[in-house]
């Protein structure tokens, strides 16, 4: 059990190092949020596209959960996406 707890700590530290402490990781997280349509209205889409979007959104939500991001932190990231700051595409 201790080995599993230590492994979980390592995984959490890796996620934080990548997505919180690394500017490149923050760019990647923003891109994942944008390309998954995390904060967009889905509208009419075919089933395959809906399944793909749902899957990618679930992955982004998992990252939020692992990092224990607050609603305010998520909103801050989303605001950067919506204003186009720090975004090459």
PDB file of N, CA and C in Angstrom:
ATOM      1  N   UNK A   1       0.818  -1.191   0.000  1.00  0.00           N
ATOM      2  CA  UNK A   1       0.000   0.000   0.000  1.00  0.00           C
ATOM      3  C   UNK A   1       0.869   1.264   0.000  1.00  0.00           C
ATOM      4  N   UNK A   2       1.974   1.225   0.739  1.00  0.00           N
ATOM      5  CA  UNK A   2       2.873   2.380   0.789  1.00  0.00           C
ATOM      6  C   UNK A   2       3.472   2.658  -0.583  1.00  0.00           C
ATOM      7  N   UNK A   3       3.775   1.607  -1.339  1.00  0.00           N
ATOM      8  CA  UNK A   3       4.317   1.785  -2.685  1.00  0.00           C
ATOM      9  C   UNK A   3       3.305   2.482  -3.585  1.00  0.00           C
ATOM     10  N   UNK A   4       2.039   2.114  -3.456  1.00  0.00           N
ATOM     11  CA  UNK A   4       0.990   2.737  -4.261  1.00  0.00           C
ATOM     12  C   UNK A   4       0.836   4.218  -3.887  1.00  0.00           C
ATOM     13  N   UNK A   5       0.892   4.531  -2.606  1.00  0.00           N
ATOM     14  CA  UNK A   5       0.797   5.916  -2.153  1.00  0.00           C
ATOM     15  C   UNK A   5       1.981   6.736  -2.659  1.00  0.00           C
ATOM     16  N   UNK A   6       3.165   6.150  -2.611  1.00  0.00           N
ATOM     17  CA  UNK A   6       4.352   6.842  -3.118  1.00  0.00           C
ATOM     18  C   UNK A   6       4.241   7.078  -4.618  1.00  0.00           C
ATOM     19  N   UNK A   7       3.731   6.096  -5.335  1.00  0.00           N
ATOM     20  CA  UNK A   7       3.545   6.233  -6.782  1.00  0.00           C
ATOM     21  C   UNK A   7       2.545   7.342  -7.085  1.00  0.00           C
ATOM     22  N   UNK A   8       1.460   7.414  -6.322  1.00  0.00           N
ATOM     23  CA  UNK A   8       0.458   8.461  -6.511  1.00  0.00           C
ATOM     24  C   UNK A   8       1.063   9.846  -6.261  1.00  0.00           C
ATOM     25  N   UNK A   9       1.913   9.952  -5.242  1.00  0.00           N
ATOM     26  CA  UNK A   9       2.587  11.219  -4.957  1.00  0.00           C
ATOM     27  C   UNK A   9       3.471  11.633  -6.129  1.00  0.00           C
ATOM     28  N   UNK A  10       4.177  10.666  -6.713  1.00  0.00           N
ATOM     29  CA  UNK A  10       5.039  10.949  -7.860  1.00  0.00           C
ATOM     30  C   UNK A  10       4.216  11.413  -9.053  1.00  0.00           C
ATOM     31  N   UNK A  11       3.084  10.761  -9.274  1.00  0.00           N
ATOM     32  CA  UNK A  11       2.213  11.134 -10.393  1.00  0.00           C
ATOM     33  C   UNK A  11       1.676  12.547 -10.188  1.00  0.00           C
ATOM     34  N   UNK A  12       1.197  12.848  -8.988  1.00  0.00           N
ATOM     35  CA  UNK A  12       0.684  14.182  -8.689  1.00  0.00           C
ATOM     36  C   UNK A  12       1.772  15.236  -8.888  1.00  0.00           C
ATOM     37  N   UNK A  13       2.973  14.957  -8.391  1.00  0.00           N
ATOM     38  CA  UNK A  13       4.081  15.903  -8.549  1.00  0.00           C
ATOM     39  C   UNK A  13       4.394  16.118 -10.033  1.00  0.00           C
ATOM     40  N   UNK A  14       4.349  15.061 -10.819  1.00  0.00           N
ATOM     41  CA  UNK A  14       4.622  15.179 -12.255  1.00  0.00           C
ATOM     42  C   UNK A  14       3.561  16.042 -12.940  1.00  0.00           C
ATOM     43  N   UNK A  15       2.285  15.816 -12.614  1.00  0.00           N
ATOM     44  CA  UNK A  15       1.215  16.643 -13.190  1.00  0.00           C
ATOM     45  C   UNK A  15       1.410  18.104 -12.816  1.00  0.00           C
ATOM     46  N   UNK A  16       1.732  18.376 -11.560  1.00  0.00           N
ATOM     47  CA  UNK A  16       1.937  19.759 -11.124  1.00  0.00           C
ATOM     48  C   UNK A  16       3.139  20.378 -11.830  1.00  0.00           C
ATOM     49  N   UNK A  17       4.233  19.626 -11.934  1.00  0.00           N
ATOM     50  CA  UNK A  17       5.417  20.144 -12.615  1.00  0.00           C
ATOM     51  C   UNK A  17       5.115  20.485 -14.065  1.00  0.00           C
ATOM     52  N   UNK A  18       4.326  19.642 -14.703  1.00  0.00           N
ATOM     53  CA  UNK A  18       4.026  19.863 -16.114  1.00  0.00           C
ATOM     54  C   UNK A  18       3.010  20.979 -16.302  1.00  0.00           C
ATOM     55  N   UNK A  19       1.858  20.891 -15.639  1.00  0.00           N
ATOM     56  CA  UNK A  19       0.743  21.782 -15.947  1.00  0.00           C
ATOM     57  C   UNK A  19       0.677  23.049 -15.087  1.00  0.00           C
ATOM     58  N   UNK A  20       1.324  23.084 -13.950  1.00  0.00           N
ATOM     59  CA  UNK A  20       1.282  24.264 -13.085  1.00  0.00           C
ATOM     60  C   UNK A  20       2.596  25.042 -13.143  1.00  0.00           C
ATOM     61  N   UNK A  21       3.715  24.344 -13.065  1.00  0.00           N
ATOM     62  CA  UNK A  21       5.017  25.008 -12.941  1.00  0.00           C
ATOM     63  C   UNK A  21       5.731  25.232 -14.267  1.00  0.00           C
ATOM     64  N   UNK A  22       5.231  24.658 -15.339  1.00  0.00           N
ATOM     65  CA  UNK A  22       5.882  24.795 -16.635  1.00  0.00           C
ATOM     66  C   UNK A  22       5.054  25.680 -17.561  1.00  0.00           C
ATOM     67  N   UNK A  23       5.642  26.761 -18.065  1.00  0.00           N
ATOM     68  CA  UNK A  23       4.906  27.588 -19.025  1.00  0.00           C
ATOM     69  C   UNK A  23       4.453  26.784 -20.248  1.00  0.00           C
ATOM     70  N   UNK A  24       5.298  25.866 -20.727  1.00  0.00           N
ATOM     71  CA  UNK A  24       4.892  25.030 -21.857  1.00  0.00           C
ATOM     72  C   UNK A  24       3.712  24.140 -21.491  1.00  0.00           C
ATOM     73  N   UNK A  25       3.710  23.624 -20.265  1.00  0.00           N
ATOM     74  CA  UNK A  25       2.598  22.789 -19.816  1.00  0.00           C
ATOM     75  C   UNK A  25       1.302  23.573 -19.744  1.00  0.00           C
ATOM     76  N   UNK A  26       1.393  24.838 -19.335  1.00  0.00           N
ATOM     77  CA  UNK A  26       0.200  25.682 -19.292  1.00  0.00           C
ATOM     78  C   UNK A  26      -0.330  25.943 -20.695  1.00  0.00           C
ATOM     79  N   UNK A  27       0.562  26.116 -21.645  1.00  0.00           N
ATOM     80  CA  UNK A  27       0.149  26.295 -23.044  1.00  0.00           C
ATOM     81  C   UNK A  27      -0.550  25.040 -23.543  1.00  0.00           C
ATOM     82  N   UNK A  28       0.005  23.872 -23.210  1.00  0.00           N
ATOM     83  CA  UNK A  28      -0.601  22.608 -23.627  1.00  0.00           C
ATOM     84  C   UNK A  28      -1.976  22.434 -22.995  1.00  0.00           C
ATOM     85  N   UNK A  29      -2.118  22.743 -21.703  1.00  0.00           N
ATOM     86  CA  UNK A  29      -3.415  22.614 -21.044  1.00  0.00           C
ATOM     87  C   UNK A  29      -4.434  23.552 -21.678  1.00  0.00           C
ATOM     88  N   UNK A  30      -4.039  24.776 -21.952  1.00  0.00           N
ATOM     89  CA  UNK A  30      -4.948  25.713 -22.628  1.00  0.00           C
ATOM     90  C   UNK A  30      -5.369  25.167 -23.986  1.00  0.00           C
ATOM     91  N   UNK A  31      -4.420  24.611 -24.719  1.00  0.00           N
ATOM     92  CA  UNK A  31      -4.736  24.053 -26.036  1.00  0.00           C
ATOM     93  C   UNK A  31      -5.699  22.877 -25.916  1.00  0.00           C
ATOM     94  N   UNK A  32      -5.480  22.026 -24.915  1.00  0.00           N
ATOM     95  CA  UNK A  32      -6.386  20.891 -24.699  1.00  0.00           C
ATOM     96  C   UNK A  32      -7.796  21.378 -24.385  1.00  0.00           C
ATOM     97  N   UNK A  33      -7.899  22.425 -23.575  1.00  0.00           N
ATOM     98  CA  UNK A  33      -9.202  22.981 -23.236  1.00  0.00           C
ATOM     99  C   UNK A  33      -9.876  23.539 -24.493  1.00  0.00           C
ATOM    100  N   UNK A  34      -9.098  24.252 -25.287  1.00  0.00           N
ATOM    101  CA  UNK A  34      -9.641  24.885 -26.491  1.00  0.00           C
ATOM    102  C   UNK A  34     -10.069  23.840 -27.519  1.00  0.00           C
ATOM    103  N   UNK A  35      -9.187  22.888 -27.813  1.00  0.00           N
ATOM    104  CA  UNK A  35      -9.497  21.922 -28.866  1.00  0.00           C
ATOM    105  C   UNK A  35     -10.588  20.934 -28.466  1.00  0.00           C
ATOM    106  N   UNK A  36     -10.779  20.737 -27.156  1.00  0.00           N
ATOM    107  CA  UNK A  36     -11.847  19.836 -26.717  1.00  0.00           C
ATOM    108  C   UNK A  36     -13.202  20.541 -26.686  1.00  0.00           C
ATOM    109  N   UNK A  37     -13.187  21.872 -26.873  1.00  0.00           N
ATOM    110  CA  UNK A  37     -14.435  22.626 -26.809  1.00  0.00           C
ATOM    111  C   UNK A  37     -14.999  22.657 -25.400  1.00  0.00           C
ATOM    112  N   UNK A  38     -14.100  22.689 -24.437  1.00  0.00           N
ATOM    113  CA  UNK A  38     -14.463  22.579 -23.030  1.00  0.00           C
ATOM    114  C   UNK A  38     -15.550  23.565 -22.611  1.00  0.00           C
ATOM    115  N   UNK A  39     -15.508  24.773 -23.133  1.00  0.00           N
ATOM    116  CA  UNK A  39     -16.458  25.800 -22.706  1.00  0.00           C
ATOM    117  C   UNK A  39     -17.306  26.307 -23.869  1.00  0.00           C
ATOM    118  N   UNK A  40     -17.541  25.429 -24.834  1.00  0.00           N
ATOM    119  CA  UNK A  40     -18.358  25.789 -25.983  1.00  0.00           C
ATOM    120  C   UNK A  40     -19.665  25.018 -25.940  1.00  0.00           C
ATOM    121  N   UNK A  41     -20.686  25.601 -26.562  1.00  0.00           N
ATOM    122  CA  UNK A  41     -21.952  24.895 -26.726  1.00  0.00           C
ATOM    123  C   UNK A  41     -21.745  23.876 -27.845  1.00  0.00           C
ATOM    124  N   UNK A  42     -22.145  22.656 -27.599  1.00  0.00           N
ATOM    125  CA  UNK A  42     -21.888  21.577 -28.543  1.00  0.00           C
ATOM    126  C   UNK A  42     -22.643  21.762 -29.856  1.00  0.00           C
ATOM    127  N   UNK A  43     -23.889  22.133 -29.785  1.00  0.00           N
ATOM    128  CA  UNK A  43     -24.677  22.276 -31.004  1.00  0.00           C
ATOM    129  C   UNK A  43     -24.973  20.925 -31.628  1.00  0.00           C
ATOM    130  N   UNK A  44     -25.315  20.943 -32.870  1.00  0.00           N
ATOM    131  CA  UNK A  44     -25.651  19.703 -33.576  1.00  0.00           C
ATOM    132  C   UNK A  44     -24.373  19.133 -34.169  1.00  0.00           C
ATOM    133  N   UNK A  45     -24.020  17.942 -33.741  1.00  0.00           N
ATOM    134  CA  UNK A  45     -22.809  17.250 -34.204  1.00  0.00           C
ATOM    135  C   UNK A  45     -23.158  15.787 -34.433  1.00  0.00           C
ATOM    136  N   UNK A  46     -22.371  15.125 -35.271  1.00  0.00           N
ATOM    137  CA  UNK A  46     -22.614  13.691 -35.439  1.00  0.00           C
ATOM    138  C   UNK A  46     -22.109  12.934 -34.216  1.00  0.00           C
ATOM    139  N   UNK A  47     -22.581  11.723 -34.065  1.00  0.00           N
ATOM    140  CA  UNK A  47     -22.306  10.931 -32.867  1.00  0.00           C
ATOM    141  C   UNK A  47     -20.810  10.718 -32.633  1.00  0.00           C
ATOM    142  N   UNK A  48     -20.060  10.429 -33.690  1.00  0.00           N
ATOM    143  CA  UNK A  48     -18.622  10.175 -33.533  1.00  0.00           C
ATOM    144  C   UNK A  48     -17.903  11.418 -33.002  1.00  0.00           C
ATOM    145  N   UNK A  49     -18.269  12.591 -33.524  1.00  0.00           N
ATOM    146  CA  UNK A  49     -17.630  13.824 -33.048  1.00  0.00           C
ATOM    147  C   UNK A  49     -18.006  14.113 -31.601  1.00  0.00           C
ATOM    148  N   UNK A  50     -19.261  13.874 -31.237  1.00  0.00           N
ATOM    149  CA  UNK A  50     -19.683  14.074 -29.847  1.00  0.00           C
ATOM    150  C   UNK A  50     -18.924  13.154 -28.906  1.00  0.00           C
ATOM    151  N   UNK A  51     -18.756  11.902 -29.308  1.00  0.00           N
ATOM    152  CA  UNK A  51     -18.013  10.962 -28.472  1.00  0.00           C
ATOM    153  C   UNK A  51     -16.564  11.401 -28.317  1.00  0.00           C
ATOM    154  N   UNK A  52     -15.969  11.861 -29.403  1.00  0.00           N
ATOM    155  CA  UNK A  52     -14.578  12.318 -29.348  1.00  0.00           C
ATOM    156  C   UNK A  52     -14.453  13.533 -28.421  1.00  0.00           C
ATOM    157  N   UNK A  53     -15.336  14.511 -28.586  1.00  0.00           N
ATOM    158  CA  UNK A  53     -15.291  15.706 -27.735  1.00  0.00           C
ATOM    159  C   UNK A  53     -15.508  15.346 -26.270  1.00  0.00           C
ATOM    160  N   UNK A  54     -16.453  14.475 -26.005  1.00  0.00           N
ATOM    161  CA  UNK A  54     -16.720  14.066 -24.621  1.00  0.00           C
ATOM    162  C   UNK A  54     -15.491  13.407 -24.021  1.00  0.00           C
ATOM    163  N   UNK A  55     -14.837  12.551 -24.780  1.00  0.00           N
ATOM    164  CA  UNK A  55     -13.624  11.889 -24.295  1.00  0.00           C
ATOM    165  C   UNK A  55     -12.504  12.862 -24.006  1.00  0.00           C
ATOM    166  N   UNK A  56     -12.295  13.829 -24.902  1.00  0.00           N
ATOM    167  CA  UNK A  56     -11.224  14.797 -24.669  1.00  0.00           C
ATOM    168  C   UNK A  56     -11.572  15.725 -23.505  1.00  0.00           C
ATOM    169  N   UNK A  57     -12.844  16.082 -23.370  1.00  0.00           N
ATOM    170  CA  UNK A  57     -13.258  16.901 -22.224  1.00  0.00           C
ATOM    171  C   UNK A  57     -13.078  16.144 -20.912  1.00  0.00           C
ATOM    172  N   UNK A  58     -13.375  14.850 -20.929  1.00  0.00           N
ATOM    173  CA  UNK A  58     -13.161  14.040 -19.721  1.00  0.00           C
ATOM    174  C   UNK A  58     -11.691  14.030 -19.317  1.00  0.00           C
ATOM    175  N   UNK A  59     -10.793  13.980 -20.292  1.00  0.00           N
ATOM    176  CA  UNK A  59      -9.355  13.997 -19.982  1.00  0.00           C
ATOM    177  C   UNK A  59      -8.962  15.341 -19.357  1.00  0.00           C
ATOM    178  N   UNK A  60      -9.480  16.437 -19.895  1.00  0.00           N
ATOM    179  CA  UNK A  60      -9.185  17.755 -19.329  1.00  0.00           C
ATOM    180  C   UNK A  60      -9.745  17.845 -17.909  1.00  0.00           C
ATOM    181  N   UNK A  61     -10.959  17.334 -17.708  1.00  0.00           N
ATOM    182  CA  UNK A  61     -11.544  17.347 -16.360  1.00  0.00           C
ATOM    183  C   UNK A  61     -10.705  16.513 -15.392  1.00  0.00           C
ATOM    184  N   UNK A  62     -10.146  15.412 -15.875  1.00  0.00           N
ATOM    185  CA  UNK A  62      -9.288  14.579 -15.031  1.00  0.00           C
ATOM    186  C   UNK A  62      -8.054  15.368 -14.595  1.00  0.00           C
ATOM    187  N   UNK A  63      -7.479  16.119 -15.514  1.00  0.00           N
ATOM    188  CA  UNK A  63      -6.323  16.945 -15.168  1.00  0.00           C
ATOM    189  C   UNK A  63      -6.717  17.988 -14.133  1.00  0.00           C
ATOM    190  N   UNK A  64      -7.875  18.642 -14.330  1.00  0.00           N
ATOM    191  CA  UNK A  64      -8.357  19.610 -13.328  1.00  0.00           C
ATOM    192  C   UNK A  64      -8.473  18.941 -11.963  1.00  0.00           C
ATOM    193  N   UNK A  65      -9.025  17.742 -11.945  1.00  0.00           N
ATOM    194  CA  UNK A  65      -9.241  17.021 -10.695  1.00  0.00           C
ATOM    195  C   UNK A  65      -7.919  16.661 -10.023  1.00  0.00           C
ATOM    196  N   UNK A  66      -6.990  16.130 -10.799  1.00  0.00           N
ATOM    197  CA  UNK A  66      -5.695  15.747 -10.240  1.00  0.00           C
ATOM    198  C   UNK A  66      -4.988  16.956  -9.653  1.00  0.00           C
ATOM    199  N   UNK A  67      -5.084  18.094 -10.337  1.00  0.00           N
ATOM    200  CA  UNK A  67      -4.412  19.307  -9.886  1.00  0.00           C
ATOM    201  C   UNK A  67      -5.195  20.046  -8.806  1.00  0.00           C
ATOM    202  N   UNK A  68      -6.412  19.581  -8.531  1.00  0.00           N
ATOM    203  CA  UNK A  68      -7.292  20.234  -7.549  1.00  0.00           C
ATOM    204  C   UNK A  68      -7.480  21.716  -7.864  1.00  0.00           C
ATOM    205  N   UNK A  69      -7.726  22.004  -9.138  1.00  0.00           N
ATOM    206  CA  UNK A  69      -7.940  23.391  -9.539  1.00  0.00           C
ATOM    207  C   UNK A  69      -9.309  23.861  -9.075  1.00  0.00           C
ATOM    208  N   UNK A  70      -9.344  25.060  -8.531  1.00  0.00           N
ATOM    209  CA  UNK A  70     -10.610  25.644  -8.104  1.00  0.00           C
ATOM    210  C   UNK A  70     -11.368  26.163  -9.327  1.00  0.00           C
ATOM    211  N   UNK A  71     -12.648  26.454  -9.148  1.00  0.00           N
ATOM    212  CA  UNK A  71     -13.442  27.027 -10.231  1.00  0.00           C
ATOM    213  C   UNK A  71     -12.816  28.341 -10.701  1.00  0.00           C
ATOM    214  N   UNK A  72     -12.296  29.112  -9.775  1.00  0.00           N
ATOM    215  CA  UNK A  72     -11.679  30.386 -10.124  1.00  0.00           C
ATOM    216  C   UNK A  72     -10.432  30.174 -10.987  1.00  0.00           C
ATOM    217  N   UNK A  73      -9.631  29.178 -10.647  1.00  0.00           N
ATOM    218  CA  UNK A  73      -8.438  28.892 -11.438  1.00  0.00           C
ATOM    219  C   UNK A  73      -8.816  28.416 -12.839  1.00  0.00           C
ATOM    220  N   UNK A  74      -9.832  27.568 -12.917  1.00  0.00           N
ATOM    221  CA  UNK A  74     -10.298  27.084 -14.215  1.00  0.00           C
ATOM    222  C   UNK A  74     -10.836  28.256 -15.027  1.00  0.00           C
ATOM    223  N   UNK A  75     -11.604  29.133 -14.381  1.00  0.00           N
ATOM    224  CA  UNK A  75     -12.144  30.312 -15.061  1.00  0.00           C
ATOM    225  C   UNK A  75     -11.009  31.194 -15.585  1.00  0.00           C
ATOM    226  N   UNK A  76      -9.966  31.351 -14.792  1.00  0.00           N
ATOM    227  CA  UNK A  76      -8.824  32.157 -15.203  1.00  0.00           C
ATOM    228  C   UNK A  76      -8.172  31.581 -16.455  1.00  0.00           C
ATOM    229  N   UNK A  77      -8.003  30.289 -16.484  1.00  0.00           N
ATOM    230  CA  UNK A  77      -7.436  29.633 -17.670  1.00  0.00           C
ATOM    231  C   UNK A  77      -8.369  29.831 -18.862  1.00  0.00           C
ATOM    232  N   UNK A  78      -9.658  29.653 -18.647  1.00  0.00           N
ATOM    233  CA  UNK A  78     -10.645  29.808 -19.726  1.00  0.00           C
ATOM    234  C   UNK A  78     -10.662  31.232 -20.255  1.00  0.00           C
ATOM    235  N   UNK A  79     -10.490  32.197 -19.385  1.00  0.00           N
ATOM    236  CA  UNK A  79     -10.481  33.601 -19.798  1.00  0.00           C
ATOM    237  C   UNK A  79      -9.302  33.871 -20.713  1.00  0.00           C
ATOM    238  N   UNK A  80      -8.164  33.288 -20.402  1.00  0.00           N
ATOM    239  CA  UNK A  80      -6.997  33.441 -21.270  1.00  0.00           C
ATOM    240  C   UNK A  80      -7.303  32.845 -22.637  1.00  0.00           C
ATOM    241  N   UNK A  81      -7.969  31.702 -22.674  1.00  0.00           N
ATOM    242  CA  UNK A  81      -8.337  31.074 -23.945  1.00  0.00           C
ATOM    243  C   UNK A  81      -9.261  31.990 -24.731  1.00  0.00           C
ATOM    244  N   UNK A  82     -10.286  32.510 -24.071  1.00  0.00           N
ATOM    245  CA  UNK A  82     -11.297  33.294 -24.761  1.00  0.00           C
ATOM    246  C   UNK A  82     -10.795  34.641 -25.230  1.00  0.00           C
ATOM    247  N   UNK A  83      -9.770  35.190 -24.596  1.00  0.00           N
ATOM    248  CA  UNK A  83      -9.235  36.474 -25.025  1.00  0.00           C
ATOM    249  C   UNK A  83      -8.110  36.293 -26.028  1.00  0.00           C
ATOM    250  N   UNK A  84      -7.664  35.052 -26.204  1.00  0.00           N
ATOM    251  CA  UNK A  84      -6.626  34.779 -27.175  1.00  0.00           C
ATOM    252  C   UNK A  84      -5.216  35.058 -26.685  1.00  0.00           C
ATOM    253  N   UNK A  85      -5.043  35.396 -25.433  1.00  0.00           N
ATOM    254  CA  UNK A  85      -3.713  35.647 -24.892  1.00  0.00           C
ATOM    255  C   UNK A  85      -2.913  34.357 -24.855  1.00  0.00           C
ATOM    256  N   UNK A  86      -1.612  34.494 -25.081  1.00  0.00           N
ATOM    257  CA  UNK A  86      -0.704  33.339 -25.012  1.00  0.00           C
ATOM    258  C   UNK A  86      -1.162  32.193 -25.873  1.00  0.00           C
ATOM    259  N   UNK A  87      -1.714  32.498 -27.026  1.00  0.00           N
ATOM    260  CA  UNK A  87      -2.269  31.445 -27.874  1.00  0.00           C
ATOM    261  C   UNK A  87      -1.772  31.661 -29.291  1.00  0.00           C
ATOM    262  N   UNK A  88      -1.146  30.649 -29.825  1.00  0.00           N
ATOM    263  CA  UNK A  88      -0.608  30.766 -31.170  1.00  0.00           C
ATOM    264  C   UNK A  88      -1.599  30.377 -32.247  1.00  0.00           C
ATOM    265  N   UNK A  89      -2.756  29.841 -31.857  1.00  0.00           N
ATOM    266  CA  UNK A  89      -3.690  29.369 -32.883  1.00  0.00           C
ATOM    267  C   UNK A  89      -5.023  29.793 -32.555  1.00  0.00           C
TER     268      UNK A  89
END
